[in-house]
Amino acid sequence: MIETPEESTMSRDLEQLTALNRTYVASVQNCDVKRFDEILAPEFYCSNPDKTLVDRAAFLEQTARPIAIRNLHAFDVIIRIMGDFAIIHAATSYTTADGQQATGRYTDCWAKKNGTWLAVLAHVSR
């Protein structure tokens, strides 16, 4: 069966967002400020697990600090694409600093600007 142009675009967007989601999670685990600087929109905001709301600059600053968790993995990932806007929902598992297994959730919103997907919002709970 031949894909329509819309289906082709949707497939390509889904592939890109799937890869960006993996990159995002890896960047959290590895404190990769450089990669976040590439994939965050100028208007990015993040709601942190401690209930603080930080803008892009503050998020990059907090990302540069070593994190206490390890073995961060996303699962049950749901990617919803609505034109040039997408929402990614997922659960996480990780190991805390004291060696305990823990879980959390996140929701990331992405906007396609000039053909490139950029994160505009993140909401993280643990």
PDB file of N, CA and C in Angstrom:
ATOM      1  N   MET A   1       0.840  -1.178   0.000  1.00  0.00           N
ATOM      2  CA  MET A   1       0.000   0.000   0.000  1.00  0.00           C
ATOM      3  C   MET A   1       0.890   1.247   0.000  1.00  0.00           C
ATOM      4  N   ILE A   2       0.545   2.201  -0.785  1.00  0.00           N
ATOM      5  CA  ILE A   2       1.309   3.436  -0.916  1.00  0.00           C
ATOM      6  C   ILE A   2       0.828   4.444   0.117  1.00  0.00           C
ATOM      7  N   GLU A   3       1.808   5.059   0.804  1.00  0.00           N
ATOM      8  CA  GLU A   3       1.475   6.084   1.788  1.00  0.00           C
ATOM      9  C   GLU A   3       1.092   7.382   1.092  1.00  0.00           C
ATOM     10  N   THR A   4       0.118   8.073   1.653  1.00  0.00           N
ATOM     11  CA  THR A   4      -0.212   9.413   1.173  1.00  0.00           C
ATOM     12  C   THR A   4       0.875  10.360   1.690  1.00  0.00           C
ATOM     13  N   PRO A   5       0.979  11.553   1.124  1.00  0.00           N
ATOM     14  CA  PRO A   5       1.964  12.517   1.644  1.00  0.00           C
ATOM     15  C   PRO A   5       1.757  12.805   3.136  1.00  0.00           C
ATOM     16  N   GLU A   6       0.496  12.867   3.562  1.00  0.00           N
ATOM     17  CA  GLU A   6       0.205  13.132   4.981  1.00  0.00           C
ATOM     18  C   GLU A   6       0.688  11.976   5.857  1.00  0.00           C
ATOM     19  N   GLU A   7       0.453  10.743   5.411  1.00  0.00           N
ATOM     20  CA  GLU A   7       0.902   9.570   6.166  1.00  0.00           C
ATOM     21  C   GLU A   7       2.427   9.505   6.209  1.00  0.00           C
ATOM     22  N   SER A   8       3.058   9.862   5.132  1.00  0.00           N
ATOM     23  CA  SER A   8       4.517   9.878   5.070  1.00  0.00           C
ATOM     24  C   SER A   8       5.091  10.899   6.054  1.00  0.00           C
ATOM     25  N   THR A   9       4.493  12.080   6.081  1.00  0.00           N
ATOM     26  CA  THR A   9       4.917  13.123   7.016  1.00  0.00           C
ATOM     27  C   THR A   9       4.704  12.666   8.449  1.00  0.00           C
ATOM     28  N   MET A  10       3.551  12.047   8.721  1.00  0.00           N
ATOM     29  CA  MET A  10       3.245  11.558  10.062  1.00  0.00           C
ATOM     30  C   MET A  10       4.248  10.484  10.488  1.00  0.00           C
ATOM     31  N   SER A  11       4.595   9.578   9.591  1.00  0.00           N
ATOM     32  CA  SER A  11       5.575   8.524   9.899  1.00  0.00           C
ATOM     33  C   SER A  11       6.938   9.134  10.207  1.00  0.00           C
ATOM     34  N   ARG A  12       7.346  10.095   9.383  1.00  0.00           N
ATOM     35  CA  ARG A  12       8.632  10.761   9.587  1.00  0.00           C
ATOM     36  C   ARG A  12       8.637  11.519  10.914  1.00  0.00           C
ATOM     37  N   ASP A  13       7.553  12.228  11.210  1.00  0.00           N
ATOM     38  CA  ASP A  13       7.455  12.960  12.473  1.00  0.00           C
ATOM     39  C   ASP A  13       7.513  11.993  13.656  1.00  0.00           C
ATOM     40  N   LEU A  14       6.817  10.880  13.554  1.00  0.00           N
ATOM     41  CA  LEU A  14       6.823   9.890  14.634  1.00  0.00           C
ATOM     42  C   LEU A  14       8.231   9.342  14.862  1.00  0.00           C
ATOM     43  N   GLU A  15       8.943   9.053  13.792  1.00  0.00           N
ATOM     44  CA  GLU A  15      10.327   8.585  13.914  1.00  0.00           C
ATOM     45  C   GLU A  15      11.208   9.639  14.586  1.00  0.00           C
ATOM     46  N   GLN A  16      11.063  10.890  14.154  1.00  0.00           N
ATOM     47  CA  GLN A  16      11.873  11.966  14.724  1.00  0.00           C
ATOM     48  C   GLN A  16      11.558  12.160  16.207  1.00  0.00           C
ATOM     49  N   LEU A  17      10.286  12.170  16.549  1.00  0.00           N
ATOM     50  CA  LEU A  17       9.896  12.381  17.947  1.00  0.00           C
ATOM     51  C   LEU A  17      10.305  11.206  18.826  1.00  0.00           C
ATOM     52  N   THR A  18      10.250  10.012  18.294  1.00  0.00           N
ATOM     53  CA  THR A  18      10.708   8.842  19.047  1.00  0.00           C
ATOM     54  C   THR A  18      12.194   8.973  19.359  1.00  0.00           C
ATOM     55  N   ALA A  19      12.979   9.368  18.371  1.00  0.00           N
ATOM     56  CA  ALA A  19      14.413   9.563  18.576  1.00  0.00           C
ATOM     57  C   ALA A  19      14.684  10.717  19.536  1.00  0.00           C
ATOM     58  N   LEU A  20      13.940  11.811  19.389  1.00  0.00           N
ATOM     59  CA  LEU A  20      14.120  12.955  20.287  1.00  0.00           C
ATOM     60  C   LEU A  20      13.759  12.592  21.720  1.00  0.00           C
ATOM     61  N   ASN A  21      12.744  11.774  21.901  1.00  0.00           N
ATOM     62  CA  ASN A  21      12.375  11.346  23.246  1.00  0.00           C
ATOM     63  C   ASN A  21      13.520  10.547  23.884  1.00  0.00           C
ATOM     64  N   ARG A  22      14.104   9.633  23.128  1.00  0.00           N
ATOM     65  CA  ARG A  22      15.246   8.859  23.647  1.00  0.00           C
ATOM     66  C   ARG A  22      16.407   9.793  23.985  1.00  0.00           C
ATOM     67  N   THR A  23      16.669  10.752  23.086  1.00  0.00           N
ATOM     68  CA  THR A  23      17.742  11.718  23.309  1.00  0.00           C
ATOM     69  C   THR A  23      17.485  12.538  24.568  1.00  0.00           C
ATOM     70  N   TYR A  24      16.242  12.966  24.756  1.00  0.00           N
ATOM     71  CA  TYR A  24      15.870  13.791  25.905  1.00  0.00           C
ATOM     72  C   TYR A  24      16.158  13.038  27.203  1.00  0.00           C
ATOM     73  N   VAL A  25      15.698  11.794  27.292  1.00  0.00           N
ATOM     74  CA  VAL A  25      15.904  10.983  28.498  1.00  0.00           C
ATOM     75  C   VAL A  25      17.398  10.755  28.737  1.00  0.00           C
ATOM     76  N   ALA A  26      18.138  10.430  27.685  1.00  0.00           N
ATOM     77  CA  ALA A  26      19.582  10.230  27.814  1.00  0.00           C
ATOM     78  C   ALA A  26      20.271  11.524  28.251  1.00  0.00           C
ATOM     79  N   SER A  27      19.803  12.651  27.761  1.00  0.00           N
ATOM     80  CA  SER A  27      20.402  13.936  28.127  1.00  0.00           C
ATOM     81  C   SER A  27      20.167  14.267  29.594  1.00  0.00           C
ATOM     82  N   VAL A  28      19.013  13.883  30.127  1.00  0.00           N
ATOM     83  CA  VAL A  28      18.764  14.058  31.568  1.00  0.00           C
ATOM     84  C   VAL A  28      19.770  13.218  32.344  1.00  0.00           C
ATOM     85  N   GLN A  29      19.879  11.938  31.999  1.00  0.00           N
ATOM     86  CA  GLN A  29      20.765  11.029  32.726  1.00  0.00           C
ATOM     87  C   GLN A  29      22.222  11.468  32.645  1.00  0.00           C
ATOM     88  N   ASN A  30      22.620  12.001  31.488  1.00  0.00           N
ATOM     89  CA  ASN A  30      24.025  12.345  31.258  1.00  0.00           C
ATOM     90  C   ASN A  30      24.358  13.820  31.450  1.00  0.00           C
ATOM     91  N   CYS A  31      23.399  14.604  31.947  1.00  0.00           N
ATOM     92  CA  CYS A  31      23.608  16.039  32.176  1.00  0.00           C
ATOM     93  C   CYS A  31      24.122  16.729  30.908  1.00  0.00           C
ATOM     94  N   ASP A  32      23.528  16.402  29.770  1.00  0.00           N
ATOM     95  CA  ASP A  32      23.998  16.865  28.468  1.00  0.00           C
ATOM     96  C   ASP A  32      23.393  18.222  28.101  1.00  0.00           C
ATOM     97  N   VAL A  33      23.973  19.268  28.645  1.00  0.00           N
ATOM     98  CA  VAL A  33      23.503  20.631  28.411  1.00  0.00           C
ATOM     99  C   VAL A  33      23.605  20.998  26.932  1.00  0.00           C
ATOM    100  N   LYS A  34      24.666  20.568  26.277  1.00  0.00           N
ATOM    101  CA  LYS A  34      24.859  20.893  24.858  1.00  0.00           C
ATOM    102  C   LYS A  34      23.696  20.351  24.025  1.00  0.00           C
ATOM    103  N   ARG A  35      23.301  19.107  24.250  1.00  0.00           N
ATOM    104  CA  ARG A  35      22.204  18.527  23.459  1.00  0.00           C
ATOM    105  C   ARG A  35      20.888  19.224  23.777  1.00  0.00           C
ATOM    106  N   PHE A  36      20.643  19.508  25.068  1.00  0.00           N
ATOM    107  CA  PHE A  36      19.422  20.236  25.416  1.00  0.00           C
ATOM    108  C   PHE A  36      19.395  21.608  24.751  1.00  0.00           C
ATOM    109  N   ASP A  37      20.535  22.260  24.681  1.00  0.00           N
ATOM    110  CA  ASP A  37      20.591  23.576  24.042  1.00  0.00           C
ATOM    111  C   ASP A  37      20.143  23.490  22.583  1.00  0.00           C
ATOM    112  N   GLU A  38      20.360  22.343  21.946  1.00  0.00           N
ATOM    113  CA  GLU A  38      19.971  22.141  20.558  1.00  0.00           C
ATOM    114  C   GLU A  38      18.482  21.828  20.382  1.00  0.00           C
ATOM    115  N   ILE A  39      17.862  21.177  21.372  1.00  0.00           N
ATOM    116  CA  ILE A  39      16.491  20.683  21.179  1.00  0.00           C
ATOM    117  C   ILE A  39      15.423  21.445  21.962  1.00  0.00           C
ATOM    118  N   LEU A  40      15.809  22.418  22.760  1.00  0.00           N
ATOM    119  CA  LEU A  40      14.824  23.206  23.509  1.00  0.00           C
ATOM    120  C   LEU A  40      14.493  24.499  22.771  1.00  0.00           C
ATOM    121  N   ALA A  41      13.201  24.788  22.662  1.00  0.00           N
ATOM    122  CA  ALA A  41      12.758  26.050  22.066  1.00  0.00           C
ATOM    123  C   ALA A  41      13.130  27.211  22.989  1.00  0.00           C
ATOM    124  N   PRO A  42      13.280  28.411  22.439  1.00  0.00           N
ATOM    125  CA  PRO A  42      13.590  29.573  23.284  1.00  0.00           C
ATOM    126  C   PRO A  42      12.559  29.781  24.390  1.00  0.00           C
ATOM    127  N   GLU A  43      11.298  29.438  24.129  1.00  0.00           N
ATOM    128  CA  GLU A  43      10.226  29.663  25.110  1.00  0.00           C
ATOM    129  C   GLU A  43       9.981  28.458  26.026  1.00  0.00           C
ATOM    130  N   PHE A  44      10.920  27.519  26.088  1.00  0.00           N
ATOM    131  CA  PHE A  44      10.776  26.301  26.883  1.00  0.00           C
ATOM    132  C   PHE A  44      10.587  26.604  28.375  1.00  0.00           C
ATOM    133  N   TYR A  45       9.701  25.828  29.002  1.00  0.00           N
ATOM    134  CA  TYR A  45       9.514  25.835  30.456  1.00  0.00           C
ATOM    135  C   TYR A  45       9.418  24.405  30.944  1.00  0.00           C
ATOM    136  N   CYS A  46       9.830  24.189  32.193  1.00  0.00           N
ATOM    137  CA  CYS A  46       9.746  22.860  32.805  1.00  0.00           C
ATOM    138  C   CYS A  46       9.152  22.966  34.201  1.00  0.00           C
ATOM    139  N   SER A  47       8.164  22.114  34.468  1.00  0.00           N
ATOM    140  CA  SER A  47       7.635  21.932  35.827  1.00  0.00           C
ATOM    141  C   SER A  47       8.400  20.768  36.432  1.00  0.00           C
ATOM    142  N   ASN A  48       9.184  21.056  37.456  1.00  0.00           N
ATOM    143  CA  ASN A  48      10.029  20.060  38.101  1.00  0.00           C
ATOM    144  C   ASN A  48       9.261  19.228  39.129  1.00  0.00           C
ATOM    145  N   PRO A  49       9.820  18.075  39.495  1.00  0.00           N
ATOM    146  CA  PRO A  49       9.168  17.244  40.522  1.00  0.00           C
ATOM    147  C   PRO A  49       8.981  17.966  41.862  1.00  0.00           C
ATOM    148  N   ASP A  50       9.845  18.961  42.155  1.00  0.00           N
ATOM    149  CA  ASP A  50       9.717  19.704  43.415  1.00  0.00           C
ATOM    150  C   ASP A  50       8.700  20.844  43.312  1.00  0.00           C
ATOM    151  N   LYS A  51       7.953  20.879  42.218  1.00  0.00           N
ATOM    152  CA  LYS A  51       6.872  21.839  41.954  1.00  0.00           C
ATOM    153  C   LYS A  51       7.363  23.224  41.540  1.00  0.00           C
ATOM    154  N   THR A  52       8.655  23.370  41.256  1.00  0.00           N
ATOM    155  CA  THR A  52       9.151  24.635  40.735  1.00  0.00           C
ATOM    156  C   THR A  52       8.930  24.679  39.226  1.00  0.00           C
ATOM    157  N   LEU A  53       8.791  25.870  38.714  1.00  0.00           N
ATOM    158  CA  LEU A  53       8.658  26.096  37.277  1.00  0.00           C
ATOM    159  C   LEU A  53       9.899  26.872  36.841  1.00  0.00           C
ATOM    160  N   VAL A  54      10.645  26.316  35.872  1.00  0.00           N
ATOM    161  CA  VAL A  54      11.878  26.966  35.437  1.00  0.00           C
ATOM    162  C   VAL A  54      11.829  27.240  33.934  1.00  0.00           C
ATOM    163  N   ASP A  55      12.438  28.351  33.547  1.00  0.00           N
ATOM    164  CA  ASP A  55      12.529  28.667  32.126  1.00  0.00           C
ATOM    165  C   ASP A  55      13.715  27.937  31.516  1.00  0.00           C
ATOM    166  N   ARG A  56      13.951  28.172  30.247  1.00  0.00           N
ATOM    167  CA  ARG A  56      14.999  27.469  29.508  1.00  0.00           C
ATOM    168  C   ARG A  56      16.369  27.643  30.167  1.00  0.00           C
ATOM    169  N   ALA A  57      16.724  28.894  30.487  1.00  0.00           N
ATOM    170  CA  ALA A  57      18.048  29.161  31.065  1.00  0.00           C
ATOM    171  C   ALA A  57      18.230  28.429  32.392  1.00  0.00           C
ATOM    172  N   ALA A  58      17.219  28.485  33.254  1.00  0.00           N
ATOM    173  CA  ALA A  58      17.307  27.805  34.557  1.00  0.00           C
ATOM    174  C   ALA A  58      17.339  26.285  34.373  1.00  0.00           C
ATOM    175  N   PHE A  59      16.609  25.773  33.378  1.00  0.00           N
ATOM    176  CA  PHE A  59      16.626  24.342  33.106  1.00  0.00           C
ATOM    177  C   PHE A  59      18.022  23.897  32.679  1.00  0.00           C
ATOM    178  N   LEU A  60      18.661  24.673  31.804  1.00  0.00           N
ATOM    179  CA  LEU A  60      20.015  24.328  31.370  1.00  0.00           C
ATOM    180  C   LEU A  60      20.992  24.377  32.550  1.00  0.00           C
ATOM    181  N   GLU A  61      20.810  25.345  33.439  1.00  0.00           N
ATOM    182  CA  GLU A  61      21.661  25.427  34.635  1.00  0.00           C
ATOM    183  C   GLU A  61      21.468  24.201  35.521  1.00  0.00           C
ATOM    184  N   GLN A  62      20.221  23.803  35.754  1.00  0.00           N
ATOM    185  CA  GLN A  62      19.984  22.647  36.615  1.00  0.00           C
ATOM    186  C   GLN A  62      20.452  21.351  35.942  1.00  0.00           C
ATOM    187  N   THR A  63      20.394  21.304  34.617  1.00  0.00           N
ATOM    188  CA  THR A  63      20.853  20.120  33.891  1.00  0.00           C
ATOM    189  C   THR A  63      22.359  19.945  34.027  1.00  0.00           C
ATOM    190  N   ALA A  64      23.090  21.032  34.152  1.00  0.00           N
ATOM    191  CA  ALA A  64      24.549  20.962  34.270  1.00  0.00           C
ATOM    192  C   ALA A  64      24.989  20.342  35.597  1.00  0.00           C
ATOM    193  N   ARG A  65      24.122  20.366  36.598  1.00  0.00           N
ATOM    194  CA  ARG A  65      24.467  19.791  37.902  1.00  0.00           C
ATOM    195  C   ARG A  65      24.299  18.271  37.861  1.00  0.00           C
ATOM    196  N   PRO A  66      25.233  17.545  38.461  1.00  0.00           N
ATOM    197  CA  PRO A  66      25.104  16.079  38.485  1.00  0.00           C
ATOM    198  C   PRO A  66      23.790  15.666  39.161  1.00  0.00           C
ATOM    199  N   ILE A  67      23.167  14.608  38.612  1.00  0.00           N
ATOM    200  CA  ILE A  67      21.924  14.129  39.207  1.00  0.00           C
ATOM    201  C   ILE A  67      22.208  12.890  40.052  1.00  0.00           C
ATOM    202  N   ALA A  68      21.351  12.687  41.041  1.00  0.00           N
ATOM    203  CA  ALA A  68      21.554  11.595  41.983  1.00  0.00           C
ATOM    204  C   ALA A  68      20.975  10.275  41.481  1.00  0.00           C
ATOM    205  N   ILE A  69      20.121  10.324  40.475  1.00  0.00           N
ATOM    206  CA  ILE A  69      19.514   9.080  39.999  1.00  0.00           C
ATOM    207  C   ILE A  69      20.371   8.453  38.903  1.00  0.00           C
ATOM    208  N   ARG A  70      20.175   7.157  38.697  1.00  0.00           N
ATOM    209  CA  ARG A  70      20.879   6.466  37.606  1.00  0.00           C
ATOM    210  C   ARG A  70      19.948   5.422  37.005  1.00  0.00           C
ATOM    211  N   ASN A  71      20.369   4.851  35.902  1.00  0.00           N
ATOM    212  CA  ASN A  71      19.570   3.828  35.199  1.00  0.00           C
ATOM    213  C   ASN A  71      18.192   4.350  34.804  1.00  0.00           C
ATOM    214  N   LEU A  72      18.130   5.586  34.353  1.00  0.00           N
ATOM    215  CA  LEU A  72      16.861   6.191  33.952  1.00  0.00           C
ATOM    216  C   LEU A  72      16.388   5.596  32.626  1.00  0.00           C
ATOM    217  N   HIS A  73      15.171   5.075  32.638  1.00  0.00           N
ATOM    218  CA  HIS A  73      14.580   4.492  31.434  1.00  0.00           C
ATOM    219  C   HIS A  73      13.144   4.958  31.296  1.00  0.00           C
ATOM    220  N   ALA A  74      12.726   5.205  30.066  1.00  0.00           N
ATOM    221  CA  ALA A  74      11.326   5.549  29.778  1.00  0.00           C
ATOM    222  C   ALA A  74      10.627   4.307  29.237  1.00  0.00           C
ATOM    223  N   PHE A  75       9.350   4.171  29.589  1.00  0.00           N
ATOM    224  CA  PHE A  75       8.550   3.076  29.057  1.00  0.00           C
ATOM    225  C   PHE A  75       7.104   3.545  28.968  1.00  0.00           C
ATOM    226  N   ASP A  76       6.258   2.719  28.361  1.00  0.00           N
ATOM    227  CA  ASP A  76       4.856   3.093  28.130  1.00  0.00           C
ATOM    228  C   ASP A  76       4.761   4.472  27.469  1.00  0.00           C
ATOM    229  N   VAL A  77       5.592   4.684  26.459  1.00  0.00           N
ATOM    230  CA  VAL A  77       5.659   5.971  25.759  1.00  0.00           C
ATOM    231  C   VAL A  77       4.480   6.086  24.791  1.00  0.00           C
ATOM    232  N   ILE A  78       3.781   7.204  24.897  1.00  0.00           N
ATOM    233  CA  ILE A  78       2.683   7.524  23.985  1.00  0.00           C
ATOM    234  C   ILE A  78       3.027   8.847  23.306  1.00  0.00           C
ATOM    235  N   ILE A  79       3.071   8.831  21.983  1.00  0.00           N
ATOM    236  CA  ILE A  79       3.361  10.049  21.220  1.00  0.00           C
ATOM    237  C   ILE A  79       2.116  10.415  20.432  1.00  0.00           C
ATOM    238  N   ARG A  80       1.603  11.620  20.700  1.00  0.00           N
ATOM    239  CA  ARG A  80       0.418  12.112  19.989  1.00  0.00           C
ATOM    240  C   ARG A  80       0.831  13.309  19.140  1.00  0.00           C
ATOM    241  N   ILE A  81       0.614  13.197  17.845  1.00  0.00           N
ATOM    242  CA  ILE A  81       0.989  14.268  16.915  1.00  0.00           C
ATOM    243  C   ILE A  81      -0.274  14.944  16.406  1.00  0.00           C
ATOM    244  N   MET A  82      -0.302  16.267  16.515  1.00  0.00           N
ATOM    245  CA  MET A  82      -1.422  17.076  16.055  1.00  0.00           C
ATOM    246  C   MET A  82      -0.875  18.186  15.172  1.00  0.00           C
ATOM    247  N   GLY A  83      -0.611  17.832  13.923  1.00  0.00           N
ATOM    248  CA  GLY A  83      -0.031  18.813  13.007  1.00  0.00           C
ATOM    249  C   GLY A  83       1.394  19.133  13.406  1.00  0.00           C
ATOM    250  N   ASP A  84       1.656  20.404  13.685  1.00  0.00           N
ATOM    251  CA  ASP A  84       2.992  20.850  14.075  1.00  0.00           C
ATOM    252  C   ASP A  84       3.165  20.919  15.589  1.00  0.00           C
ATOM    253  N   PHE A  85       2.356  20.155  16.311  1.00  0.00           N
ATOM    254  CA  PHE A  85       2.426  20.098  17.770  1.00  0.00           C
ATOM    255  C   PHE A  85       2.347  18.633  18.178  1.00  0.00           C
ATOM    256  N   ALA A  86       3.111  18.250  19.196  1.00  0.00           N
ATOM    257  CA  ALA A  86       3.090  16.866  19.659  1.00  0.00           C
ATOM    258  C   ALA A  86       3.220  16.824  21.176  1.00  0.00           C
ATOM    259  N   ILE A  87       2.608  15.811  21.745  1.00  0.00           N
ATOM    260  CA  ILE A  87       2.688  15.569  23.185  1.00  0.00           C
ATOM    261  C   ILE A  87       3.233  14.163  23.381  1.00  0.00           C
ATOM    262  N   ILE A  88       4.228  14.051  24.248  1.00  0.00           N
ATOM    263  CA  ILE A  88       4.792  12.748  24.589  1.00  0.00           C
ATOM    264  C   ILE A  88       4.526  12.494  26.073  1.00  0.00           C
ATOM    265  N   HIS A  89       3.853  11.385  26.349  1.00  0.00           N
ATOM    266  CA  HIS A  89       3.600  10.940  27.720  1.00  0.00           C
ATOM    267  C   HIS A  89       4.442   9.690  27.945  1.00  0.00           C
ATOM    268  N   ALA A  90       5.011   9.534  29.126  1.00  0.00           N
ATOM    269  CA  ALA A  90       5.768   8.310  29.412  1.00  0.00           C
ATOM    270  C   ALA A  90       5.921   8.116  30.907  1.00  0.00           C
ATOM    271  N   ALA A  91       6.185   6.876  31.259  1.00  0.00           N
ATOM    272  CA  ALA A  91       6.551   6.520  32.628  1.00  0.00           C
ATOM    273  C   ALA A  91       8.068   6.333  32.654  1.00  0.00           C
ATOM    274  N   THR A  92       8.645   6.457  33.838  1.00  0.00           N
ATOM    275  CA  THR A  92      10.088   6.252  33.978  1.00  0.00           C
ATOM    276  C   THR A  92      10.363   5.289  35.129  1.00  0.00           C
ATOM    277  N   SER A  93      11.491   4.642  35.016  1.00  0.00           N
ATOM    278  CA  SER A  93      12.033   3.878  36.139  1.00  0.00           C
ATOM    279  C   SER A  93      13.472   4.330  36.305  1.00  0.00           C
ATOM    280  N   TYR A  94      13.948   4.296  37.537  1.00  0.00           N
ATOM    281  CA  TYR A  94      15.303   4.731  37.819  1.00  0.00           C
ATOM    282  C   TYR A  94      15.727   4.210  39.184  1.00  0.00           C
ATOM    283  N   THR A  95      16.999   4.327  39.468  1.00  0.00           N
ATOM    284  CA  THR A  95      17.552   3.948  40.760  1.00  0.00           C
ATOM    285  C   THR A  95      17.916   5.228  41.502  1.00  0.00           C
ATOM    286  N   THR A  96      17.466   5.348  42.744  1.00  0.00           N
ATOM    287  CA  THR A  96      17.755   6.539  43.545  1.00  0.00           C
ATOM    288  C   THR A  96      19.197   6.475  44.070  1.00  0.00           C
ATOM    289  N   ALA A  97      19.644   7.566  44.660  1.00  0.00           N
ATOM    290  CA  ALA A  97      21.010   7.641  45.183  1.00  0.00           C
ATOM    291  C   ALA A  97      21.282   6.569  46.228  1.00  0.00           C
ATOM    292  N   ASP A  98      20.243   6.184  46.972  1.00  0.00           N
ATOM    293  CA  ASP A  98      20.443   5.159  48.007  1.00  0.00           C
ATOM    294  C   ASP A  98      20.169   3.733  47.511  1.00  0.00           C
ATOM    295  N   GLY A  99      20.050   3.593  46.168  1.00  0.00           N
ATOM    296  CA  GLY A  99      19.920   2.266  45.579  1.00  0.00           C
ATOM    297  C   GLY A  99      18.507   1.718  45.458  1.00  0.00           C
ATOM    298  N   GLN A 100      17.510   2.518  45.789  1.00  0.00           N
ATOM    299  CA  GLN A 100      16.117   2.065  45.701  1.00  0.00           C
ATOM    300  C   GLN A 100      15.597   2.221  44.271  1.00  0.00           C
ATOM    301  N   GLN A 101      14.742   1.298  43.861  1.00  0.00           N
ATOM    302  CA  GLN A 101      14.060   1.420  42.573  1.00  0.00           C
ATOM    303  C   GLN A 101      12.886   2.384  42.743  1.00  0.00           C
ATOM    304  N   ALA A 102      12.690   3.246  41.762  1.00  0.00           N
ATOM    305  CA  ALA A 102      11.613   4.231  41.836  1.00  0.00           C
ATOM    306  C   ALA A 102      11.037   4.437  40.431  1.00  0.00           C
ATOM    307  N   THR A 103       9.874   5.074  40.401  1.00  0.00           N
ATOM    308  CA  THR A 103       9.225   5.358  39.125  1.00  0.00           C
ATOM    309  C   THR A 103       8.732   6.798  39.111  1.00  0.00           C
ATOM    310  N   GLY A 104       8.424   7.275  37.920  1.00  0.00           N
ATOM    311  CA  GLY A 104       7.890   8.617  37.753  1.00  0.00           C
ATOM    312  C   GLY A 104       7.137   8.697  36.438  1.00  0.00           C
ATOM    313  N   ARG A 105       6.753   9.912  36.083  1.00  0.00           N
ATOM    314  CA  ARG A 105       6.073  10.157  34.804  1.00  0.00           C
ATOM    315  C   ARG A 105       6.562  11.499  34.265  1.00  0.00           C
ATOM    316  N   TYR A 106       6.437  11.649  32.961  1.00  0.00           N
ATOM    317  CA  TYR A 106       6.684  12.958  32.369  1.00  0.00           C
ATOM    318  C   TYR A 106       5.771  13.163  31.172  1.00  0.00           C
ATOM    319  N   THR A 107       5.544  14.424  30.887  1.00  0.00           N
ATOM    320  CA  THR A 107       4.836  14.849  29.691  1.00  0.00           C
ATOM    321  C   THR A 107       5.674  15.943  29.063  1.00  0.00           C
ATOM    322  N   ASP A 108       6.025  15.752  27.805  1.00  0.00           N
ATOM    323  CA  ASP A 108       6.780  16.758  27.062  1.00  0.00           C
ATOM    324  C   ASP A 108       5.940  17.220  25.878  1.00  0.00           C
ATOM    325  N   CYS A 109       5.970  18.504  25.616  1.00  0.00           N
ATOM    326  CA  CYS A 109       5.279  19.060  24.453  1.00  0.00           C
ATOM    327  C   CYS A 109       6.331  19.588  23.480  1.00  0.00           C
ATOM    328  N   TRP A 110       6.082  19.299  22.210  1.00  0.00           N
ATOM    329  CA  TRP A 110       7.007  19.657  21.140  1.00  0.00           C
ATOM    330  C   TRP A 110       6.280  20.458  20.071  1.00  0.00           C
ATOM    331  N   ALA A 111       6.973  21.425  19.485  1.00  0.00           N
ATOM    332  CA  ALA A 111       6.425  22.208  18.379  1.00  0.00           C
ATOM    333  C   ALA A 111       7.389  22.107  17.199  1.00  0.00           C
ATOM    334  N   LYS A 112       6.826  21.949  16.021  1.00  0.00           N
ATOM    335  CA  LYS A 112       7.642  21.874  14.809  1.00  0.00           C
ATOM    336  C   LYS A 112       7.776  23.279  14.252  1.00  0.00           C
ATOM    337  N   LYS A 113       9.015  23.785  14.241  1.00  0.00           N
ATOM    338  CA  LYS A 113       9.280  25.148  13.784  1.00  0.00           C
ATOM    339  C   LYS A 113      10.289  25.094  12.651  1.00  0.00           C
ATOM    340  N   ASN A 114       9.901  25.600  11.503  1.00  0.00           N
ATOM    341  CA  ASN A 114      10.764  25.568  10.321  1.00  0.00           C
ATOM    342  C   ASN A 114      11.270  24.160  10.034  1.00  0.00           C
ATOM    343  N   GLY A 115      10.387  23.172  10.216  1.00  0.00           N
ATOM    344  CA  GLY A 115      10.716  21.785   9.905  1.00  0.00           C
ATOM    345  C   GLY A 115      11.466  21.034  10.982  1.00  0.00           C
ATOM    346  N   THR A 116      11.732  21.690  12.123  1.00  0.00           N
ATOM    347  CA  THR A 116      12.492  21.058  13.204  1.00  0.00           C
ATOM    348  C   THR A 116      11.642  20.978  14.466  1.00  0.00           C
ATOM    349  N   TRP A 117      11.594  19.789  15.085  1.00  0.00           N
ATOM    350  CA  TRP A 117      10.870  19.624  16.342  1.00  0.00           C
ATOM    351  C   TRP A 117      11.711  20.160  17.493  1.00  0.00           C
ATOM    352  N   LEU A 118      11.109  21.025  18.325  1.00  0.00           N
ATOM    353  CA  LEU A 118      11.760  21.585  19.511  1.00  0.00           C
ATOM    354  C   LEU A 118      10.853  21.388  20.719  1.00  0.00           C
ATOM    355  N   ALA A 119      11.451  21.068  21.846  1.00  0.00           N
ATOM    356  CA  ALA A 119      10.687  20.918  23.088  1.00  0.00           C
ATOM    357  C   ALA A 119      10.278  22.296  23.590  1.00  0.00           C
ATOM    358  N   VAL A 120       9.002  22.458  23.909  1.00  0.00           N
ATOM    359  CA  VAL A 120       8.509  23.734  24.426  1.00  0.00           C
ATOM    360  C   VAL A 120       8.074  23.636  25.884  1.00  0.00           C
ATOM    361  N   LEU A 121       7.838  22.412  26.361  1.00  0.00           N
ATOM    362  CA  LEU A 121       7.358  22.234  27.725  1.00  0.00           C
ATOM    363  C   LEU A 121       7.707  20.842  28.215  1.00  0.00           C
ATOM    364  N   ALA A 122       8.044  20.751  29.496  1.00  0.00           N
ATOM    365  CA  ALA A 122       8.235  19.458  30.150  1.00  0.00           C
ATOM    366  C   ALA A 122       7.562  19.520  31.514  1.00  0.00           C
ATOM    367  N   HIS A 123       6.923  18.444  31.904  1.00  0.00           N
ATOM    368  CA  HIS A 123       6.343  18.328  33.232  1.00  0.00           C
ATOM    369  C   HIS A 123       6.759  16.976  33.784  1.00  0.00           C
ATOM    370  N   VAL A 124       7.477  17.002  34.912  1.00  0.00           N
ATOM    371  CA  VAL A 124       8.073  15.789  35.463  1.00  0.00           C
ATOM    372  C   VAL A 124       7.519  15.543  36.870  1.00  0.00           C
ATOM    373  N   SER A 125       7.119  14.301  37.138  1.00  0.00           N
ATOM    374  CA  SER A 125       6.701  13.946  38.499  1.00  0.00           C
ATOM    375  C   SER A 125       7.407  12.668  38.917  1.00  0.00           C
ATOM    376  N   ARG A 126       7.696  12.590  40.204  1.00  0.00           N
ATOM    377  CA  ARG A 126       8.356  11.408  40.775  1.00  0.00           C
ATOM    378  C   ARG A 126       7.665  11.045  42.064  1.00  0.00           C
TER     379      ARG A 126
END
